[in-house]
Amino acid sequence: MADIYQTLEDKGNYEEVVQHGPYFCSVYEIDGSPKKGSKEPWLGSGYYFWDTRINDAHWWGRTVYWRYFKGYIVCHTVYDQHSPLLFDMVGNMSHIDCFEECALDVKRRTKKKRVSVPYVLEILKRHADFDYKAVRAWPAPKTDHINPQLEMFFPGNKTIIRTLEKVQICFFDKTLLCHPFDIKEIRSFPKNFTI
């Protein structure tokens, strides 16, 4: 079992969060109408969690909520990281290969130069033998420069090992989320914060 964390806006509704969490992320409201001001979640609709590291959940809280002068809460549960129902694009090379093959096939068929991750995942869910209940992925930053905090160098600086950070899991439903969901930490927006 592995710890996972969901970051939510602090609305002071702690009892409701524990009773009704985790919360689903989608560009659509419950009635099917598009949400205003929302972007498509990068792995498609689902329950988003940060894998293992609570610091990643705090990073998200500071990045998303503090910028709008709002506090955040970090919630916790666990999941089986070895479940056969997990499509693991971080630790399973055959899953990465499957995703890449599908993406290349979609690009060929549609004659598009680029296709989005959630679009490819939706095609896999609809047209392949894809019985998975969650996807685990690493949103690696697109960069051309070397960040010594993310890379460990071998002698001679010819090879590096990238340090994984901010690994996310998107659960398509609650099948793999069978443990209690609780609030781990509450972070109010700093009152003396200046820009």
C-alpha atoms as a PDB file:
ATOM      1  CA  MET A   1       0.000   0.000   0.000  1.00  0.00           C
ATOM      2  CA  ALA A   2       1.168   3.524  -0.784  1.00  0.00           C
ATOM      3  CA  ASP A   3       0.150   6.874   0.650  1.00  0.00           C
ATOM      4  CA  ILE A   4      -1.606   9.302  -1.691  1.00  0.00           C
ATOM      5  CA  TYR A   5      -2.711  12.893  -1.168  1.00  0.00           C
ATOM      6  CA  GLN A   6      -5.453  15.080  -2.633  1.00  0.00           C
ATOM      7  CA  THR A   7      -5.184  18.880  -2.367  1.00  0.00           C
ATOM      8  CA  LEU A   8      -8.440  20.825  -2.002  1.00  0.00           C
ATOM      9  CA  GLU A   9      -9.426  24.432  -1.445  1.00  0.00           C
ATOM     10  CA  ASP A  10     -10.003  25.163   2.249  1.00  0.00           C
ATOM     11  CA  LYS A  11     -13.685  26.133   2.504  1.00  0.00           C
ATOM     12  CA  GLY A  12     -13.959  25.272   6.189  1.00  0.00           C
ATOM     13  CA  ASN A  13     -16.215  22.274   5.383  1.00  0.00           C
ATOM     14  CA  TYR A  14     -13.985  19.676   7.033  1.00  0.00           C
ATOM     15  CA  GLU A  15     -16.711  17.249   8.101  1.00  0.00           C
ATOM     16  CA  GLU A  16     -18.175  17.241   4.575  1.00  0.00           C
ATOM     17  CA  VAL A  17     -14.735  16.644   3.051  1.00  0.00           C
ATOM     18  CA  VAL A  18     -14.123  13.587   5.230  1.00  0.00           C
ATOM     19  CA  GLN A  19     -17.637  12.198   4.611  1.00  0.00           C
ATOM     20  CA  HIS A  20     -17.829  12.865   0.851  1.00  0.00           C
ATOM     21  CA  GLY A  21     -14.213  12.930  -0.320  1.00  0.00           C
ATOM     22  CA  PRO A  22     -12.309  12.339  -2.420  1.00  0.00           C
ATOM     23  CA  TYR A  23     -13.457  14.873  -4.996  1.00  0.00           C
ATOM     24  CA  PHE A  24     -13.807  14.298  -8.736  1.00  0.00           C
ATOM     25  CA  CYS A  25     -12.012  16.595 -11.191  1.00  0.00           C
ATOM     26  CA  SER A  26     -13.722  17.276 -14.515  1.00  0.00           C
ATOM     27  CA  VAL A  27     -14.401  20.082 -16.987  1.00  0.00           C
ATOM     28  CA  TYR A  28     -18.113  19.302 -16.636  1.00  0.00           C
ATOM     29  CA  GLU A  29     -20.635  19.972 -13.893  1.00  0.00           C
ATOM     30  CA  ILE A  30     -22.744  17.093 -12.535  1.00  0.00           C
ATOM     31  CA  ASP A  31     -25.543  18.056 -14.969  1.00  0.00           C
ATOM     32  CA  GLY A  32     -23.161  17.748 -17.953  1.00  0.00           C
ATOM     33  CA  SER A  33     -22.765  21.471 -18.615  1.00  0.00           C
ATOM     34  CA  PRO A  34     -19.197  22.778 -19.031  1.00  0.00           C
ATOM     35  CA  LYS A  35     -17.595  24.368 -15.962  1.00  0.00           C
ATOM     36  CA  LYS A  36     -16.669  28.014 -16.341  1.00  0.00           C
ATOM     37  CA  GLY A  37     -12.955  28.779 -16.389  1.00  0.00           C
ATOM     38  CA  SER A  38     -11.841  25.142 -16.163  1.00  0.00           C
ATOM     39  CA  LYS A  39      -9.104  23.527 -18.172  1.00  0.00           C
ATOM     40  CA  GLU A  40      -9.204  19.888 -19.191  1.00  0.00           C
ATOM     41  CA  PRO A  41      -7.508  17.745 -16.528  1.00  0.00           C
ATOM     42  CA  TRP A  42      -4.260  16.457 -17.984  1.00  0.00           C
ATOM     43  CA  LEU A  43      -5.122  12.765 -17.473  1.00  0.00           C
ATOM     44  CA  GLY A  44      -8.844  13.230 -18.145  1.00  0.00           C
ATOM     45  CA  SER A  45     -11.670  13.257 -15.620  1.00  0.00           C
ATOM     46  CA  GLY A  46     -11.134  11.493 -12.324  1.00  0.00           C
ATOM     47  CA  TYR A  47     -10.011  11.628  -8.709  1.00  0.00           C
ATOM     48  CA  TYR A  48      -6.528  13.174  -8.695  1.00  0.00           C
ATOM     49  CA  PHE A  49      -3.914  12.330  -6.080  1.00  0.00           C
ATOM     50  CA  TRP A  50      -0.220  13.018  -5.539  1.00  0.00           C
ATOM     51  CA  ASP A  51       1.690   9.761  -5.131  1.00  0.00           C
ATOM     52  CA  THR A  52       3.592   9.117  -1.879  1.00  0.00           C
ATOM     53  CA  ARG A  53       5.008  12.606  -1.218  1.00  0.00           C
ATOM     54  CA  ILE A  54       2.926  15.036   0.820  1.00  0.00           C
ATOM     55  CA  ASN A  55       5.281  17.846  -0.278  1.00  0.00           C
ATOM     56  CA  ASP A  56       3.895  17.561  -3.808  1.00  0.00           C
ATOM     57  CA  ALA A  57       0.374  18.109  -2.451  1.00  0.00           C
ATOM     58  CA  HIS A  58       1.624  21.205  -0.610  1.00  0.00           C
ATOM     59  CA  TRP A  59       3.337  22.469  -3.761  1.00  0.00           C
ATOM     60  CA  TRP A  60      -0.010  22.206  -5.580  1.00  0.00           C
ATOM     61  CA  GLY A  61      -1.808  24.020  -2.761  1.00  0.00           C
ATOM     62  CA  ARG A  62       0.668  26.893  -2.791  1.00  0.00           C
ATOM     63  CA  THR A  63       0.688  27.046  -6.602  1.00  0.00           C
ATOM     64  CA  VAL A  64      -3.065  26.880  -7.189  1.00  0.00           C
ATOM     65  CA  TYR A  65      -4.779  28.263  -4.095  1.00  0.00           C
ATOM     66  CA  TRP A  66      -2.358  30.739  -2.546  1.00  0.00           C
ATOM     67  CA  ARG A  67      -2.118  32.595  -5.842  1.00  0.00           C
ATOM     68  CA  TYR A  68      -5.808  33.448  -5.342  1.00  0.00           C
ATOM     69  CA  PHE A  69      -5.290  34.234  -1.624  1.00  0.00           C
ATOM     70  CA  LYS A  70      -7.036  31.029  -0.531  1.00  0.00           C
ATOM     71  CA  GLY A  71      -6.038  28.342   1.942  1.00  0.00           C
ATOM     72  CA  TYR A  72      -5.902  24.641   1.126  1.00  0.00           C
ATOM     73  CA  ILE A  73      -6.208  21.263   2.805  1.00  0.00           C
ATOM     74  CA  VAL A  74      -4.266  18.093   2.124  1.00  0.00           C
ATOM     75  CA  CYS A  75      -6.260  14.870   2.406  1.00  0.00           C
ATOM     76  CA  HIS A  76      -4.856  11.360   2.638  1.00  0.00           C
ATOM     77  CA  THR A  77      -5.715   7.791   1.774  1.00  0.00           C
ATOM     78  CA  VAL A  78      -3.811   4.741   0.495  1.00  0.00           C
ATOM     79  CA  TYR A  79      -3.974   2.518  -2.571  1.00  0.00           C
ATOM     80  CA  ASP A  80      -2.360  -0.684  -3.811  1.00  0.00           C
ATOM     81  CA  GLN A  81       0.416   0.478  -6.132  1.00  0.00           C
ATOM     82  CA  HIS A  82       0.770  -3.098  -7.415  1.00  0.00           C
ATOM     83  CA  SER A  83      -2.881  -3.530  -8.420  1.00  0.00           C
ATOM     84  CA  PRO A  84      -3.416  -5.065 -11.875  1.00  0.00           C
ATOM     85  CA  LEU A  85      -6.086  -2.356 -12.331  1.00  0.00           C
ATOM     86  CA  LEU A  86      -3.433   0.414 -12.350  1.00  0.00           C
ATOM     87  CA  PHE A  87      -2.183   1.632 -15.741  1.00  0.00           C
ATOM     88  CA  ASP A  88       1.283   2.627 -14.548  1.00  0.00           C
ATOM     89  CA  MET A  89       3.157   4.890 -16.960  1.00  0.00           C
ATOM     90  CA  VAL A  90       5.853   5.497 -14.342  1.00  0.00           C
ATOM     91  CA  GLY A  91       6.890   1.986 -13.351  1.00  0.00           C
ATOM     92  CA  ASN A  92       5.632  -0.323 -16.110  1.00  0.00           C
ATOM     93  CA  MET A  93       7.419  -0.057 -19.461  1.00  0.00           C
ATOM     94  CA  SER A  94       4.762  -2.079 -21.308  1.00  0.00           C
ATOM     95  CA  HIS A  95       2.118   0.463 -20.234  1.00  0.00           C
ATOM     96  CA  ILE A  96       4.282   3.330 -21.482  1.00  0.00           C
ATOM     97  CA  ASP A  97       4.804   1.484 -24.784  1.00  0.00           C
ATOM     98  CA  CYS A  98       1.066   0.809 -25.121  1.00  0.00           C
ATOM     99  CA  PHE A  99       0.242   4.474 -24.552  1.00  0.00           C
ATOM    100  CA  GLU A 100       2.918   5.630 -27.006  1.00  0.00           C
ATOM    101  CA  GLU A 101       1.753   3.184 -29.705  1.00  0.00           C
ATOM    102  CA  CYS A 102      -1.820   4.379 -29.324  1.00  0.00           C
ATOM    103  CA  ALA A 103      -0.768   8.052 -29.444  1.00  0.00           C
ATOM    104  CA  LEU A 104       1.284   7.479 -32.617  1.00  0.00           C
ATOM    105  CA  ASP A 105      -1.592   5.556 -34.208  1.00  0.00           C
ATOM    106  CA  VAL A 106      -4.044   8.359 -33.370  1.00  0.00           C
ATOM    107  CA  LYS A 107      -1.675  10.947 -34.861  1.00  0.00           C
ATOM    108  CA  ARG A 108      -1.320   8.870 -38.049  1.00  0.00           C
ATOM    109  CA  ARG A 109      -5.060   8.301 -38.449  1.00  0.00           C
ATOM    110  CA  THR A 110      -6.096  11.886 -37.658  1.00  0.00           C
ATOM    111  CA  LYS A 111      -3.093  13.435 -39.434  1.00  0.00           C
ATOM    112  CA  LYS A 112      -2.559  15.692 -36.409  1.00  0.00           C
ATOM    113  CA  LYS A 113       0.891  16.722 -35.277  1.00  0.00           C
ATOM    114  CA  ARG A 114      -0.130  16.669 -31.618  1.00  0.00           C
ATOM    115  CA  VAL A 115      -2.723  14.779 -29.580  1.00  0.00           C
ATOM    116  CA  SER A 116      -3.488  15.324 -25.906  1.00  0.00           C
ATOM    117  CA  VAL A 117      -2.918  12.787 -23.147  1.00  0.00           C
ATOM    118  CA  PRO A 118      -6.599  12.678 -22.077  1.00  0.00           C
ATOM    119  CA  TYR A 119      -7.681  12.171 -25.695  1.00  0.00           C
ATOM    120  CA  VAL A 120      -5.387   9.150 -26.079  1.00  0.00           C
ATOM    121  CA  LEU A 121      -6.517   7.721 -22.729  1.00  0.00           C
ATOM    122  CA  GLU A 122     -10.179   8.049 -23.785  1.00  0.00           C
ATOM    123  CA  ILE A 123      -9.437   6.147 -27.003  1.00  0.00           C
ATOM    124  CA  LEU A 124      -7.708   3.407 -25.018  1.00  0.00           C
ATOM    125  CA  LYS A 125     -10.693   3.187 -22.648  1.00  0.00           C
ATOM    126  CA  ARG A 126     -13.210   2.914 -25.509  1.00  0.00           C
ATOM    127  CA  HIS A 127     -11.419   0.856 -28.133  1.00  0.00           C
ATOM    128  CA  ALA A 128      -8.813  -1.293 -26.448  1.00  0.00           C
ATOM    129  CA  ASP A 129      -8.840  -4.050 -23.878  1.00  0.00           C
ATOM    130  CA  PHE A 130      -8.362  -1.371 -21.227  1.00  0.00           C
ATOM    131  CA  ASP A 131      -9.922  -2.504 -17.941  1.00  0.00           C
ATOM    132  CA  TYR A 132      -7.832  -0.220 -15.766  1.00  0.00           C
ATOM    133  CA  LYS A 133      -9.358   1.891 -12.988  1.00  0.00           C
ATOM    134  CA  ALA A 134      -6.532   4.413 -12.637  1.00  0.00           C
ATOM    135  CA  VAL A 135      -3.524   5.841 -14.456  1.00  0.00           C
ATOM    136  CA  ARG A 136      -0.245   6.817 -12.812  1.00  0.00           C
ATOM    137  CA  ALA A 137       1.971   9.283 -14.634  1.00  0.00           C
ATOM    138  CA  TRP A 138       4.788  11.767 -14.191  1.00  0.00           C
ATOM    139  CA  PRO A 139       4.151  15.207 -15.663  1.00  0.00           C
ATOM    140  CA  ALA A 140       7.803  15.814 -16.545  1.00  0.00           C
ATOM    141  CA  PRO A 141       8.558  19.479 -17.105  1.00  0.00           C
ATOM    142  CA  LYS A 142       9.314  20.352 -20.712  1.00  0.00           C
ATOM    143  CA  THR A 143      12.718  21.963 -20.536  1.00  0.00           C
ATOM    144  CA  ASP A 144      15.880  22.339 -22.558  1.00  0.00           C
ATOM    145  CA  HIS A 145      18.138  23.195 -19.660  1.00  0.00           C
ATOM    146  CA  ILE A 146      19.664  21.012 -16.996  1.00  0.00           C
ATOM    147  CA  ASN A 147      18.185  21.344 -13.522  1.00  0.00           C
ATOM    148  CA  PRO A 148      20.681  19.934 -11.012  1.00  0.00           C
ATOM    149  CA  GLN A 149      17.865  19.480  -8.484  1.00  0.00           C
ATOM    150  CA  LEU A 150      16.118  16.994 -10.799  1.00  0.00           C
ATOM    151  CA  GLU A 151      19.107  15.159 -12.232  1.00  0.00           C
ATOM    152  CA  MET A 152      21.915  13.021 -10.825  1.00  0.00           C
ATOM    153  CA  PHE A 153      25.014  12.888 -12.989  1.00  0.00           C
ATOM    154  CA  PHE A 154      27.341   9.987 -13.654  1.00  0.00           C
ATOM    155  CA  PRO A 155      31.102  10.547 -13.842  1.00  0.00           C
ATOM    156  CA  GLY A 156      31.991  12.494 -16.956  1.00  0.00           C
ATOM    157  CA  ASN A 157      28.562  14.150 -17.084  1.00  0.00           C
ATOM    158  CA  LYS A 158      27.572  12.016 -20.081  1.00  0.00           C
ATOM    159  CA  THR A 159      24.591  10.298 -18.463  1.00  0.00           C
ATOM    160  CA  ILE A 160      21.987  11.384 -15.960  1.00  0.00           C
ATOM    161  CA  ILE A 161      19.227   9.834 -13.880  1.00  0.00           C
ATOM    162  CA  ARG A 162      16.151  12.034 -13.641  1.00  0.00           C
ATOM    163  CA  THR A 163      14.719  12.351 -10.154  1.00  0.00           C
ATOM    164  CA  LEU A 164      11.005  11.658 -10.272  1.00  0.00           C
ATOM    165  CA  GLU A 165       8.895  14.291  -8.618  1.00  0.00           C
ATOM    166  CA  LYS A 166       5.224  15.167  -8.544  1.00  0.00           C
ATOM    167  CA  VAL A 167       3.899  11.801  -9.717  1.00  0.00           C
ATOM    168  CA  GLN A 168       0.117  11.866 -10.068  1.00  0.00           C
ATOM    169  CA  ILE A 169      -2.566   9.214 -10.106  1.00  0.00           C
ATOM    170  CA  CYS A 170      -5.956   9.750 -11.694  1.00  0.00           C
ATOM    171  CA  PHE A 171      -8.543   7.244 -10.475  1.00  0.00           C
ATOM    172  CA  PHE A 172     -11.397   6.894 -12.978  1.00  0.00           C
ATOM    173  CA  ASP A 173     -13.739   5.717 -10.236  1.00  0.00           C
ATOM    174  CA  LYS A 174     -13.461   4.753  -6.553  1.00  0.00           C
ATOM    175  CA  THR A 175     -12.748   1.045  -7.153  1.00  0.00           C
ATOM    176  CA  LEU A 176      -9.157   1.271  -5.888  1.00  0.00           C
ATOM    177  CA  LEU A 177      -9.980   3.823  -3.164  1.00  0.00           C
ATOM    178  CA  CYS A 178     -11.301   1.612  -0.393  1.00  0.00           C
ATOM    179  CA  HIS A 179      -9.527   3.102   2.623  1.00  0.00           C
ATOM    180  CA  PRO A 180     -10.621   6.012   4.812  1.00  0.00           C
ATOM    181  CA  PHE A 181     -10.202   9.492   3.338  1.00  0.00           C
ATOM    182  CA  ASP A 182      -9.077  11.960   5.976  1.00  0.00           C
ATOM    183  CA  ILE A 183      -7.676  15.448   6.304  1.00  0.00           C
ATOM    184  CA  LYS A 184      -3.947  15.339   6.964  1.00  0.00           C
ATOM    185  CA  GLU A 185      -3.102  19.060   7.087  1.00  0.00           C
ATOM    186  CA  ILE A 186      -4.817  22.445   6.825  1.00  0.00           C
ATOM    187  CA  ARG A 187      -2.876  25.416   5.453  1.00  0.00           C
ATOM    188  CA  SER A 188      -4.463  28.826   5.710  1.00  0.00           C
ATOM    189  CA  PHE A 189      -3.358  31.583   3.392  1.00  0.00           C
ATOM    190  CA  PRO A 190      -0.651  33.582   5.228  1.00  0.00           C
ATOM    191  CA  LYS A 191      -2.201  36.760   6.635  1.00  0.00           C
ATOM    192  CA  ASN A 192       1.031  38.754   6.396  1.00  0.00           C
ATOM    193  CA  PHE A 193       1.736  37.679   2.796  1.00  0.00           C
ATOM    194  CA  THR A 194       2.964  40.473   0.525  1.00  0.00           C
ATOM    195  CA  ILE A 195       3.639  40.601  -3.173  1.00  0.00           C
END
